[in-house]
Amino acid sequence: MPTVAILGSCTITLYAADHPPPHFHVRTRDGREALMVIQGLALLSGHVSRRELTEAVMWAENNIQLLAARWRELNP
């Protein structure tokens, strides 16, 4: 589970051999997790409010190519 970014309120990780669609995991400091689709940054699943995901979404918007490249590396 490579950690891609450590932000103030959460961490962003990717998993190898993960299921489609290409997505990343956002884990909050209190242990809750959300899955966000890379293309379009839609919430795939999880129990984290959109407001709580603001920092992660802003980071992802600026690093979408990095997320897509790392997904391809881990999920050939």
PDB file of N, CA and C in Angstrom:
ATOM      1  N   MET A   1       0.842  -1.173   0.000  1.00  0.00           N
ATOM      2  CA  MET A   1       0.000   0.000   0.000  1.00  0.00           C
ATOM      3  C   MET A   1       0.884   1.231   0.000  1.00  0.00           C
ATOM      4  N   PRO A   2       1.330   1.677  -1.144  1.00  0.00           N
ATOM      5  CA  PRO A   2       2.161   2.879  -1.199  1.00  0.00           C
ATOM      6  C   PRO A   2       1.376   4.133  -0.841  1.00  0.00           C
ATOM      7  N   THR A   3       1.925   4.874   0.095  1.00  0.00           N
ATOM      8  CA  THR A   3       1.351   6.169   0.438  1.00  0.00           C
ATOM      9  C   THR A   3       1.863   7.172  -0.579  1.00  0.00           C
ATOM     10  N   VAL A   4       0.954   7.848  -1.238  1.00  0.00           N
ATOM     11  CA  VAL A   4       1.300   8.810  -2.277  1.00  0.00           C
ATOM     12  C   VAL A   4       1.448  10.209  -1.687  1.00  0.00           C
ATOM     13  N   ALA A   5       0.616  10.524  -0.681  1.00  0.00           N
ATOM     14  CA  ALA A   5       0.673  11.858  -0.069  1.00  0.00           C
ATOM     15  C   ALA A   5       0.190  11.783   1.370  1.00  0.00           C
ATOM     16  N   ILE A   6       0.829  12.570   2.210  1.00  0.00           N
ATOM     17  CA  ILE A   6       0.383  12.760   3.585  1.00  0.00           C
ATOM     18  C   ILE A   6      -0.031  14.218   3.700  1.00  0.00           C
ATOM     19  N   LEU A   7      -1.307  14.415   3.932  1.00  0.00           N
ATOM     20  CA  LEU A   7      -1.861  15.759   4.010  1.00  0.00           C
ATOM     21  C   LEU A   7      -2.190  16.080   5.465  1.00  0.00           C
ATOM     22  N   GLY A   8      -2.672  17.261   5.712  1.00  0.00           N
ATOM     23  CA  GLY A   8      -2.977  17.661   7.080  1.00  0.00           C
ATOM     24  C   GLY A   8      -4.055  16.836   7.745  1.00  0.00           C
ATOM     25  N   SER A   9      -5.076  16.453   6.993  1.00  0.00           N
ATOM     26  CA  SER A   9      -6.205  15.743   7.588  1.00  0.00           C
ATOM     27  C   SER A   9      -6.344  14.294   7.133  1.00  0.00           C
ATOM     28  N   CYS A  10      -5.476  13.843   6.210  1.00  0.00           N
ATOM     29  CA  CYS A  10      -5.640  12.500   5.667  1.00  0.00           C
ATOM     30  C   CYS A  10      -4.376  12.040   4.943  1.00  0.00           C
ATOM     31  N   THR A  11      -4.385  10.772   4.558  1.00  0.00           N
ATOM     32  CA  THR A  11      -3.337  10.226   3.697  1.00  0.00           C
ATOM     33  C   THR A  11      -4.004   9.690   2.430  1.00  0.00           C
ATOM     34  N   ILE A  12      -3.240   9.701   1.352  1.00  0.00           N
ATOM     35  CA  ILE A  12      -3.708   9.181   0.069  1.00  0.00           C
ATOM     36  C   ILE A  12      -2.823   8.004  -0.297  1.00  0.00           C
ATOM     37  N   THR A  13      -3.457   6.859  -0.547  1.00  0.00           N
ATOM     38  CA  THR A  13      -2.719   5.648  -0.862  1.00  0.00           C
ATOM     39  C   THR A  13      -3.312   4.963  -2.082  1.00  0.00           C
ATOM     40  N   LEU A  14      -2.503   4.103  -2.682  1.00  0.00           N
ATOM     41  CA  LEU A  14      -2.922   3.239  -3.781  1.00  0.00           C
ATOM     42  C   LEU A  14      -2.537   1.816  -3.408  1.00  0.00           C
ATOM     43  N   TYR A  15      -3.257   0.840  -3.929  1.00  0.00           N
ATOM     44  CA  TYR A  15      -2.959  -0.564  -3.675  1.00  0.00           C
ATOM     45  C   TYR A  15      -2.554  -1.248  -4.973  1.00  0.00           C
ATOM     46  N   ALA A  16      -1.661  -2.216  -4.870  1.00  0.00           N
ATOM     47  CA  ALA A  16      -1.304  -3.055  -6.014  1.00  0.00           C
ATOM     48  C   ALA A  16      -2.390  -4.110  -6.201  1.00  0.00           C
ATOM     49  N   ALA A  17      -2.604  -4.510  -7.433  1.00  0.00           N
ATOM     50  CA  ALA A  17      -3.594  -5.539  -7.784  1.00  0.00           C
ATOM     51  C   ALA A  17      -4.977  -5.183  -7.239  1.00  0.00           C
ATOM     52  N   ASP A  18      -5.339  -3.918  -7.309  1.00  0.00           N
ATOM     53  CA  ASP A  18      -6.630  -3.447  -6.811  1.00  0.00           C
ATOM     54  C   ASP A  18      -7.684  -3.572  -7.905  1.00  0.00           C
ATOM     55  N   HIS A  19      -8.935  -3.517  -7.515  1.00  0.00           N
ATOM     56  CA  HIS A  19     -10.061  -3.670  -8.441  1.00  0.00           C
ATOM     57  C   HIS A  19     -10.309  -2.377  -9.224  1.00  0.00           C
ATOM     58  N   PRO A  20     -10.881  -2.501 -10.423  1.00  0.00           N
ATOM     59  CA  PRO A  20     -11.270  -1.310 -11.179  1.00  0.00           C
ATOM     60  C   PRO A  20     -12.518  -0.678 -10.560  1.00  0.00           C
ATOM     61  N   PRO A  21     -12.831   0.527 -10.891  1.00  0.00           N
ATOM     62  CA  PRO A  21     -12.096   1.452 -11.749  1.00  0.00           C
ATOM     63  C   PRO A  21     -10.866   1.995 -11.023  1.00  0.00           C
ATOM     64  N   PRO A  22      -9.926   2.566 -11.770  1.00  0.00           N
ATOM     65  CA  PRO A  22      -8.745   3.154 -11.125  1.00  0.00           C
ATOM     66  C   PRO A  22      -9.172   4.169 -10.061  1.00  0.00           C
ATOM     67  N   HIS A  23      -8.661   3.982  -8.852  1.00  0.00           N
ATOM     68  CA  HIS A  23      -9.076   4.809  -7.733  1.00  0.00           C
ATOM     69  C   HIS A  23      -7.947   4.921  -6.713  1.00  0.00           C
ATOM     70  N   PHE A  24      -8.130   5.817  -5.768  1.00  0.00           N
ATOM     71  CA  PHE A  24      -7.195   5.938  -4.658  1.00  0.00           C
ATOM     72  C   PHE A  24      -7.979   5.929  -3.357  1.00  0.00           C
ATOM     73  N   HIS A  25      -7.269   5.644  -2.278  1.00  0.00           N
ATOM     74  CA  HIS A  25      -7.868   5.552  -0.958  1.00  0.00           C
ATOM     75  C   HIS A  25      -7.502   6.795  -0.165  1.00  0.00           C
ATOM     76  N   VAL A  26      -8.484   7.384   0.487  1.00  0.00           N
ATOM     77  CA  VAL A  26      -8.271   8.520   1.376  1.00  0.00           C
ATOM     78  C   VAL A  26      -8.584   8.026   2.780  1.00  0.00           C
ATOM     79  N   ARG A  27      -7.583   8.045   3.662  1.00  0.00           N
ATOM     80  CA  ARG A  27      -7.787   7.612   5.039  1.00  0.00           C
ATOM     81  C   ARG A  27      -7.675   8.831   5.948  1.00  0.00           C
ATOM     82  N   THR A  28      -8.732   9.079   6.712  1.00  0.00           N
ATOM     83  CA  THR A  28      -8.735  10.208   7.629  1.00  0.00           C
ATOM     84  C   THR A  28      -7.918   9.869   8.869  1.00  0.00           C
ATOM     85  N   ARG A  29      -7.596  10.880   9.658  1.00  0.00           N
ATOM     86  CA  ARG A  29      -6.792  10.681  10.874  1.00  0.00           C
ATOM     87  C   ARG A  29      -7.482   9.766  11.882  1.00  0.00           C
ATOM     88  N   ASP A  30      -8.824   9.722  11.847  1.00  0.00           N
ATOM     89  CA  ASP A  30      -9.535   8.854  12.792  1.00  0.00           C
ATOM     90  C   ASP A  30      -9.802   7.458  12.221  1.00  0.00           C
ATOM     91  N   GLY A  31      -9.209   7.141  11.061  1.00  0.00           N
ATOM     92  CA  GLY A  31      -9.266   5.785  10.524  1.00  0.00           C
ATOM     93  C   GLY A  31     -10.353   5.501   9.513  1.00  0.00           C
ATOM     94  N   ARG A  32     -11.246   6.458   9.262  1.00  0.00           N
ATOM     95  CA  ARG A  32     -12.266   6.229   8.229  1.00  0.00           C
ATOM     96  C   ARG A  32     -11.612   6.294   6.862  1.00  0.00           C
ATOM     97  N   GLU A  33     -12.253   5.637   5.900  1.00  0.00           N
ATOM     98  CA  GLU A  33     -11.663   5.556   4.562  1.00  0.00           C
ATOM     99  C   GLU A  33     -12.713   5.812   3.495  1.00  0.00           C
ATOM    100  N   ALA A  34     -12.272   6.460   2.429  1.00  0.00           N
ATOM    101  CA  ALA A  34     -13.112   6.673   1.248  1.00  0.00           C
ATOM    102  C   ALA A  34     -12.296   6.285   0.028  1.00  0.00           C
ATOM    103  N   LEU A  35     -12.973   5.784  -0.997  1.00  0.00           N
ATOM    104  CA  LEU A  35     -12.343   5.472  -2.271  1.00  0.00           C
ATOM    105  C   LEU A  35     -12.835   6.490  -3.288  1.00  0.00           C
ATOM    106  N   MET A  36     -11.873   7.103  -3.992  1.00  0.00           N
ATOM    107  CA  MET A  36     -12.192   8.129  -4.986  1.00  0.00           C
ATOM    108  C   MET A  36     -11.715   7.663  -6.354  1.00  0.00           C
ATOM    109  N   VAL A  37     -12.589   7.741  -7.344  1.00  0.00           N
ATOM    110  CA  VAL A  37     -12.224   7.400  -8.715  1.00  0.00           C
ATOM    111  C   VAL A  37     -11.245   8.460  -9.220  1.00  0.00           C
ATOM    112  N   ILE A  38     -10.158   8.038  -9.837  1.00  0.00           N
ATOM    113  CA  ILE A  38      -9.150   8.990 -10.313  1.00  0.00           C
ATOM    114  C   ILE A  38      -9.729   9.886 -11.397  1.00  0.00           C
ATOM    115  N   GLN A  39     -10.347   9.290 -12.402  1.00  0.00           N
ATOM    116  CA  GLN A  39     -10.922  10.078 -13.500  1.00  0.00           C
ATOM    117  C   GLN A  39     -12.241  10.685 -13.044  1.00  0.00           C
ATOM    118  N   GLY A  40     -12.272  11.982 -12.823  1.00  0.00           N
ATOM    119  CA  GLY A  40     -13.490  12.658 -12.407  1.00  0.00           C
ATOM    120  C   GLY A  40     -13.607  12.891 -10.914  1.00  0.00           C
ATOM    121  N   LEU A  41     -12.772  12.229 -10.132  1.00  0.00           N
ATOM    122  CA  LEU A  41     -12.716  12.389  -8.677  1.00  0.00           C
ATOM    123  C   LEU A  41     -14.077  12.195  -8.006  1.00  0.00           C
ATOM    124  N   ALA A  42     -14.799  11.183  -8.455  1.00  0.00           N
ATOM    125  CA  ALA A  42     -16.084  10.844  -7.848  1.00  0.00           C
ATOM    126  C   ALA A  42     -15.859   9.927  -6.650  1.00  0.00           C
ATOM    127  N   LEU A  43     -16.716  10.054  -5.659  1.00  0.00           N
ATOM    128  CA  LEU A  43     -16.667   9.175  -4.499  1.00  0.00           C
ATOM    129  C   LEU A  43     -17.174   7.798  -4.910  1.00  0.00           C
ATOM    130  N   LEU A  44     -16.340   6.788  -4.750  1.00  0.00           N
ATOM    131  CA  LEU A  44     -16.703   5.418  -5.112  1.00  0.00           C
ATOM    132  C   LEU A  44     -17.370   4.729  -3.930  1.00  0.00           C
ATOM    133  N   SER A  45     -16.806   4.884  -2.749  1.00  0.00           N
ATOM    134  CA  SER A  45     -17.396   4.312  -1.538  1.00  0.00           C
ATOM    135  C   SER A  45     -16.732   4.937  -0.320  1.00  0.00           C
ATOM    136  N   GLY A  46     -17.338   4.718   0.816  1.00  0.00           N
ATOM    137  CA  GLY A  46     -16.757   5.199   2.058  1.00  0.00           C
ATOM    138  C   GLY A  46     -17.713   6.027   2.879  1.00  0.00           C
ATOM    139  N   HIS A  47     -17.285   6.310   4.094  1.00  0.00           N
ATOM    140  CA  HIS A  47     -18.110   7.043   5.051  1.00  0.00           C
ATOM    141  C   HIS A  47     -17.410   8.329   5.469  1.00  0.00           C
ATOM    142  N   VAL A  48     -17.018   9.097   4.482  1.00  0.00           N
ATOM    143  CA  VAL A  48     -16.358  10.378   4.712  1.00  0.00           C
ATOM    144  C   VAL A  48     -17.141  11.416   3.908  1.00  0.00           C
ATOM    145  N   SER A  49     -17.487  12.519   4.553  1.00  0.00           N
ATOM    146  CA  SER A  49     -18.288  13.536   3.859  1.00  0.00           C
ATOM    147  C   SER A  49     -17.456  14.249   2.797  1.00  0.00           C
ATOM    148  N   ARG A  50     -18.138  14.804   1.809  1.00  0.00           N
ATOM    149  CA  ARG A  50     -17.461  15.554   0.748  1.00  0.00           C
ATOM    150  C   ARG A  50     -16.657  16.705   1.358  1.00  0.00           C
ATOM    151  N   ARG A  51     -17.208  17.344   2.379  1.00  0.00           N
ATOM    152  CA  ARG A  51     -16.515  18.453   3.038  1.00  0.00           C
ATOM    153  C   ARG A  51     -15.183  17.979   3.632  1.00  0.00           C
ATOM    154  N   GLU A  52     -15.194  16.801   4.248  1.00  0.00           N
ATOM    155  CA  GLU A  52     -13.970  16.265   4.842  1.00  0.00           C
ATOM    156  C   GLU A  52     -12.956  15.848   3.779  1.00  0.00           C
ATOM    157  N   LEU A  53     -13.434  15.604   2.573  1.00  0.00           N
ATOM    158  CA  LEU A  53     -12.549  15.186   1.485  1.00  0.00           C
ATOM    159  C   LEU A  53     -11.977  16.362   0.697  1.00  0.00           C
ATOM    160  N   THR A  54     -12.332  17.579   1.063  1.00  0.00           N
ATOM    161  CA  THR A  54     -11.925  18.762   0.302  1.00  0.00           C
ATOM    162  C   THR A  54     -10.421  18.823   0.089  1.00  0.00           C
ATOM    163  N   GLU A  55      -9.633  18.632   1.134  1.00  0.00           N
ATOM    164  CA  GLU A  55      -8.176  18.712   1.018  1.00  0.00           C
ATOM    165  C   GLU A  55      -7.647  17.646   0.064  1.00  0.00           C
ATOM    166  N   ALA A  56      -8.153  16.423   0.185  1.00  0.00           N
ATOM    167  CA  ALA A  56      -7.715  15.332  -0.684  1.00  0.00           C
ATOM    168  C   ALA A  56      -8.095  15.590  -2.137  1.00  0.00           C
ATOM    169  N   VAL A  57      -9.291  16.091  -2.373  1.00  0.00           N
ATOM    170  CA  VAL A  57      -9.749  16.374  -3.742  1.00  0.00           C
ATOM    171  C   VAL A  57      -8.909  17.485  -4.356  1.00  0.00           C
ATOM    172  N   MET A  58      -8.631  18.522  -3.582  1.00  0.00           N
ATOM    173  CA  MET A  58      -7.798  19.620  -4.102  1.00  0.00           C
ATOM    174  C   MET A  58      -6.400  19.098  -4.466  1.00  0.00           C
ATOM    175  N   TRP A  59      -5.830  18.251  -3.606  1.00  0.00           N
ATOM    176  CA  TRP A  59      -4.517  17.681  -3.897  1.00  0.00           C
ATOM    177  C   TRP A  59      -4.597  16.833  -5.163  1.00  0.00           C
ATOM    178  N   ALA A  60      -5.629  15.990  -5.255  1.00  0.00           N
ATOM    179  CA  ALA A  60      -5.781  15.089  -6.401  1.00  0.00           C
ATOM    180  C   ALA A  60      -5.965  15.861  -7.704  1.00  0.00           C
ATOM    181  N   GLU A  61      -6.707  16.952  -7.668  1.00  0.00           N
ATOM    182  CA  GLU A  61      -6.888  17.763  -8.875  1.00  0.00           C
ATOM    183  C   GLU A  61      -5.548  18.253  -9.418  1.00  0.00           C
ATOM    184  N   ASN A  62      -4.638  18.574  -8.519  1.00  0.00           N
ATOM    185  CA  ASN A  62      -3.317  19.070  -8.924  1.00  0.00           C
ATOM    186  C   ASN A  62      -2.324  17.958  -9.235  1.00  0.00           C
ATOM    187  N   ASN A  63      -2.693  16.712  -8.929  1.00  0.00           N
ATOM    188  CA  ASN A  63      -1.776  15.593  -9.107  1.00  0.00           C
ATOM    189  C   ASN A  63      -2.437  14.417  -9.818  1.00  0.00           C
ATOM    190  N   ILE A  64      -3.408  14.697 -10.666  1.00  0.00           N
ATOM    191  CA  ILE A  64      -4.177  13.653 -11.332  1.00  0.00           C
ATOM    192  C   ILE A  64      -3.294  12.763 -12.212  1.00  0.00           C
ATOM    193  N   GLN A  65      -2.320  13.355 -12.882  1.00  0.00           N
ATOM    194  CA  GLN A  65      -1.435  12.560 -13.741  1.00  0.00           C
ATOM    195  C   GLN A  65      -0.548  11.636 -12.905  1.00  0.00           C
ATOM    196  N   LEU A  66      -0.086  12.112 -11.767  1.00  0.00           N
ATOM    197  CA  LEU A  66       0.704  11.271 -10.861  1.00  0.00           C
ATOM    198  C   LEU A  66      -0.131  10.090 -10.377  1.00  0.00           C
ATOM    199  N   LEU A  67      -1.353  10.336  -9.959  1.00  0.00           N
ATOM    200  CA  LEU A  67      -2.223   9.257  -9.491  1.00  0.00           C
ATOM    201  C   LEU A  67      -2.461   8.227 -10.591  1.00  0.00           C
ATOM    202  N   ALA A  68      -2.741   8.688 -11.797  1.00  0.00           N
ATOM    203  CA  ALA A  68      -2.995   7.763 -12.910  1.00  0.00           C
ATOM    204  C   ALA A  68      -1.749   6.946 -13.241  1.00  0.00           C
ATOM    205  N   ALA A  69      -0.596   7.587 -13.231  1.00  0.00           N
ATOM    206  CA  ALA A  69       0.659   6.875 -13.527  1.00  0.00           C
ATOM    207  C   ALA A  69       0.967   5.835 -12.458  1.00  0.00           C
ATOM    208  N   ARG A  70       0.797   6.194 -11.194  1.00  0.00           N
ATOM    209  CA  ARG A  70       1.058   5.252 -10.095  1.00  0.00           C
ATOM    210  C   ARG A  70       0.072   4.094 -10.149  1.00  0.00           C
ATOM    211  N   TRP A  71      -1.189   4.368 -10.500  1.00  0.00           N
ATOM    212  CA  TRP A  71      -2.175   3.288 -10.627  1.00  0.00           C
ATOM    213  C   TRP A  71      -1.716   2.298 -11.694  1.00  0.00           C
ATOM    214  N   ARG A  72      -1.288   2.804 -12.849  1.00  0.00           N
ATOM    215  CA  ARG A  72      -0.826   1.932 -13.946  1.00  0.00           C
ATOM    216  C   ARG A  72       0.395   1.119 -13.523  1.00  0.00           C
ATOM    217  N   GLU A  73       1.307   1.719 -12.764  1.00  0.00           N
ATOM    218  CA  GLU A  73       2.486   0.979 -12.284  1.00  0.00           C
ATOM    219  C   GLU A  73       2.091  -0.175 -11.369  1.00  0.00           C
ATOM    220  N   LEU A  74       1.148   0.076 -10.479  1.00  0.00           N
ATOM    221  CA  LEU A  74       0.756  -0.922  -9.485  1.00  0.00           C
ATOM    222  C   LEU A  74      -0.268  -1.912  -9.998  1.00  0.00           C
ATOM    223  N   ASN A  75      -0.960  -1.566 -11.067  1.00  0.00           N
ATOM    224  CA  ASN A  75      -2.035  -2.400 -11.608  1.00  0.00           C
ATOM    225  C   ASN A  75      -1.887  -2.552 -13.114  1.00  0.00           C
ATOM    226  N   PRO A  76      -0.823  -3.242 -13.551  1.00  0.00           N
ATOM    227  CA  PRO A  76      -0.565  -3.364 -15.000  1.00  0.00           C
ATOM    228  C   PRO A  76      -1.618  -4.223 -15.708  1.00  0.00           C
TER     229      PRO A  76
END
